[in-house]
Amino acid sequence: MSKKAADHHKQSAEHHTHAARHHNEAAKHHEGGHYEKAAHHAHTARAHALHAMRHSEEAAKAHMEEHGKK
């Protein structure tokens, strides 16, 4: 695997970790009745998840560049 692809996989995993953390915070705030804080964390989690998806797509592109279409 190319370094470029590996780096994108690692970055994707890191963003998924951040998204999970924000989902947990959103759940805590929602359970406590702090809906505005919950919404903030939910939106932040979504942003991290989208960023993770972009890194996954870049990793796939790097694989294609390295190995070509077969």
N, C-alpha and C. Protein backbone atom coordinates (compact mmCIF):
# COMPACT_ATOMS: atom_id res chain seq x y z
N MET A 1 0.86 -1.18 0.00
CA MET A 1 0.00 0.00 0.00
C MET A 1 0.90 1.23 0.00
N SER A 2 0.53 2.21 -0.77
CA SER A 2 1.31 3.44 -0.84
C SER A 2 1.20 4.21 0.48
N LYS A 3 2.22 5.02 0.72
CA LYS A 3 2.20 5.86 1.93
C LYS A 3 1.01 6.81 1.88
N LYS A 4 0.72 7.31 0.68
CA LYS A 4 -0.40 8.24 0.51
C LYS A 4 -1.71 7.59 0.92
N ALA A 5 -1.94 6.36 0.44
CA ALA A 5 -3.17 5.65 0.80
C ALA A 5 -3.22 5.36 2.30
N ALA A 6 -2.10 4.90 2.84
CA ALA A 6 -2.05 4.58 4.27
C ALA A 6 -2.35 5.82 5.11
N ASP A 7 -1.78 6.96 4.71
CA ASP A 7 -2.04 8.20 5.46
C ASP A 7 -3.52 8.56 5.43
N HIS A 8 -4.16 8.40 4.28
CA HIS A 8 -5.59 8.71 4.20
C HIS A 8 -6.41 7.74 5.06
N HIS A 9 -6.03 6.47 5.09
CA HIS A 9 -6.73 5.51 5.95
C HIS A 9 -6.61 5.91 7.42
N LYS A 10 -5.40 6.30 7.80
CA LYS A 10 -5.17 6.72 9.20
C LYS A 10 -5.98 7.96 9.54
N GLN A 11 -6.01 8.92 8.62
CA GLN A 11 -6.77 10.15 8.86
C GLN A 11 -8.26 9.86 8.93
N SER A 12 -8.73 8.95 8.09
CA SER A 12 -10.14 8.56 8.14
C SER A 12 -10.47 7.96 9.50
N ALA A 13 -9.63 7.05 9.96
CA ALA A 13 -9.86 6.42 11.26
C ALA A 13 -9.87 7.45 12.39
N GLU A 14 -8.98 8.44 12.29
CA GLU A 14 -8.91 9.48 13.32
C GLU A 14 -10.20 10.30 13.33
N HIS A 15 -10.72 10.64 12.16
CA HIS A 15 -11.96 11.40 12.11
C HIS A 15 -13.15 10.57 12.61
N HIS A 16 -13.15 9.27 12.34
CA HIS A 16 -14.21 8.41 12.87
C HIS A 16 -14.15 8.38 14.40
N THR A 17 -12.95 8.37 14.94
CA THR A 17 -12.78 8.39 16.41
C THR A 17 -13.35 9.69 16.98
N HIS A 18 -13.03 10.81 16.33
CA HIS A 18 -13.56 12.10 16.79
C HIS A 18 -15.08 12.14 16.67
N ALA A 19 -15.61 11.59 15.57
CA ALA A 19 -17.06 11.56 15.39
C ALA A 19 -17.72 10.76 16.51
N ALA A 20 -17.14 9.62 16.84
CA ALA A 20 -17.71 8.78 17.90
C ALA A 20 -17.70 9.53 19.24
N ARG A 21 -16.64 10.24 19.51
CA ARG A 21 -16.55 11.01 20.75
C ARG A 21 -17.66 12.06 20.81
N HIS A 22 -17.89 12.74 19.70
CA HIS A 22 -18.94 13.77 19.68
C HIS A 22 -20.33 13.15 19.75
N HIS A 23 -20.52 11.98 19.16
CA HIS A 23 -21.82 11.29 19.30
C HIS A 23 -22.08 10.95 20.77
N ASN A 24 -21.06 10.50 21.48
CA ASN A 24 -21.20 10.20 22.90
C ASN A 24 -21.56 11.45 23.69
N GLU A 25 -20.89 12.56 23.38
CA GLU A 25 -21.19 13.82 24.06
C GLU A 25 -22.62 14.27 23.76
N ALA A 26 -23.03 14.12 22.50
CA ALA A 26 -24.39 14.49 22.13
C ALA A 26 -25.40 13.68 22.92
N ALA A 27 -25.14 12.39 23.06
CA ALA A 27 -26.06 11.52 23.81
C ALA A 27 -26.15 11.96 25.27
N LYS A 28 -25.00 12.26 25.88
CA LYS A 28 -25.00 12.70 27.28
C LYS A 28 -25.81 13.99 27.45
N HIS A 29 -25.56 14.95 26.58
CA HIS A 29 -26.27 16.22 26.69
C HIS A 29 -27.77 16.05 26.43
N HIS A 30 -28.11 15.20 25.48
CA HIS A 30 -29.53 14.97 25.18
C HIS A 30 -30.23 14.34 26.38
N GLU A 31 -29.58 13.35 26.98
CA GLU A 31 -30.17 12.69 28.16
C GLU A 31 -30.34 13.68 29.31
N GLY A 32 -29.43 14.66 29.38
CA GLY A 32 -29.51 15.66 30.45
C GLY A 32 -30.43 16.82 30.13
N GLY A 33 -31.08 16.78 28.96
CA GLY A 33 -32.01 17.83 28.59
C GLY A 33 -31.35 19.07 28.01
N HIS A 34 -30.05 18.98 27.70
CA HIS A 34 -29.32 20.11 27.11
C HIS A 34 -29.31 19.93 25.58
N TYR A 35 -30.45 20.23 24.98
CA TYR A 35 -30.65 19.90 23.57
C TYR A 35 -29.81 20.74 22.62
N GLU A 36 -29.54 21.98 22.98
CA GLU A 36 -28.71 22.82 22.11
C GLU A 36 -27.28 22.29 22.08
N LYS A 37 -26.75 21.92 23.25
CA LYS A 37 -25.41 21.33 23.30
C LYS A 37 -25.39 20.00 22.55
N ALA A 38 -26.45 19.23 22.70
CA ALA A 38 -26.53 17.94 22.00
C ALA A 38 -26.50 18.15 20.49
N ALA A 39 -27.25 19.14 20.02
CA ALA A 39 -27.28 19.42 18.59
C ALA A 39 -25.91 19.86 18.08
N HIS A 40 -25.22 20.68 18.88
CA HIS A 40 -23.88 21.12 18.49
C HIS A 40 -22.96 19.92 18.30
N HIS A 41 -22.95 19.01 19.27
CA HIS A 41 -22.08 17.84 19.17
C HIS A 41 -22.51 16.91 18.04
N ALA A 42 -23.80 16.80 17.81
CA ALA A 42 -24.28 15.96 16.71
C ALA A 42 -23.81 16.52 15.36
N HIS A 43 -23.87 17.82 15.21
CA HIS A 43 -23.42 18.44 13.96
C HIS A 43 -21.91 18.29 13.79
N THR A 44 -21.18 18.44 14.88
CA THR A 44 -19.73 18.27 14.83
C THR A 44 -19.38 16.83 14.48
N ALA A 45 -20.11 15.88 15.04
CA ALA A 45 -19.89 14.47 14.72
C ALA A 45 -20.12 14.22 13.24
N ARG A 46 -21.16 14.81 12.70
CA ARG A 46 -21.45 14.63 11.27
C ARG A 46 -20.33 15.21 10.40
N ALA A 47 -19.81 16.35 10.80
CA ALA A 47 -18.72 16.96 10.04
C ALA A 47 -17.49 16.05 10.04
N HIS A 48 -17.17 15.47 11.19
CA HIS A 48 -16.04 14.54 11.26
C HIS A 48 -16.31 13.30 10.39
N ALA A 49 -17.52 12.80 10.42
CA ALA A 49 -17.86 11.62 9.61
C ALA A 49 -17.72 11.93 8.12
N LEU A 50 -18.14 13.10 7.70
CA LEU A 50 -18.00 13.50 6.30
C LEU A 50 -16.53 13.64 5.91
N HIS A 51 -15.74 14.20 6.81
CA HIS A 51 -14.31 14.35 6.56
C HIS A 51 -13.65 12.97 6.46
N ALA A 52 -14.08 12.05 7.31
CA ALA A 52 -13.56 10.68 7.25
C ALA A 52 -13.88 10.04 5.92
N MET A 53 -15.10 10.28 5.43
CA MET A 53 -15.51 9.71 4.15
C MET A 53 -14.63 10.25 3.02
N ARG A 54 -14.31 11.53 3.08
CA ARG A 54 -13.45 12.12 2.04
C ARG A 54 -12.07 11.47 2.05
N HIS A 55 -11.54 11.23 3.24
CA HIS A 55 -10.23 10.56 3.32
C HIS A 55 -10.32 9.13 2.78
N SER A 56 -11.43 8.45 3.03
CA SER A 56 -11.62 7.10 2.47
C SER A 56 -11.62 7.14 0.95
N GLU A 57 -12.28 8.15 0.40
CA GLU A 57 -12.31 8.29 -1.06
C GLU A 57 -10.92 8.58 -1.61
N GLU A 58 -10.16 9.41 -0.91
CA GLU A 58 -8.79 9.72 -1.34
C GLU A 58 -7.89 8.49 -1.25
N ALA A 59 -8.12 7.66 -0.23
CA ALA A 59 -7.36 6.41 -0.12
C ALA A 59 -7.66 5.50 -1.30
N ALA A 60 -8.93 5.42 -1.67
CA ALA A 60 -9.31 4.59 -2.82
C ALA A 60 -8.67 5.11 -4.10
N LYS A 61 -8.64 6.43 -4.27
CA LYS A 61 -7.99 7.02 -5.45
C LYS A 61 -6.51 6.67 -5.46
N ALA A 62 -5.86 6.75 -4.31
CA ALA A 62 -4.43 6.43 -4.22
C ALA A 62 -4.18 4.97 -4.60
N HIS A 63 -5.07 4.09 -4.17
CA HIS A 63 -4.96 2.68 -4.55
C HIS A 63 -5.05 2.52 -6.07
N MET A 64 -6.00 3.23 -6.66
CA MET A 64 -6.19 3.15 -8.12
C MET A 64 -4.98 3.69 -8.86
N GLU A 65 -4.41 4.79 -8.35
CA GLU A 65 -3.22 5.37 -8.98
C GLU A 65 -2.04 4.41 -8.90
N GLU A 66 -1.94 3.72 -7.76
CA GLU A 66 -0.81 2.82 -7.54
C GLU A 66 -0.96 1.52 -8.34
N HIS A 67 -2.16 0.97 -8.37
CA HIS A 67 -2.36 -0.35 -8.95
C HIS A 67 -3.05 -0.32 -10.31
N GLY A 68 -3.61 0.81 -10.68
CA GLY A 68 -4.30 0.92 -11.96
C GLY A 68 -5.61 0.15 -11.96
N LYS A 69 -6.38 0.37 -13.00
CA LYS A 69 -7.65 -0.32 -13.12
C LYS A 69 -7.41 -1.71 -13.70
N LYS A 70 -7.97 -2.70 -13.04
CA LYS A 70 -7.79 -4.09 -13.50
C LYS A 70 -9.11 -4.75 -13.74
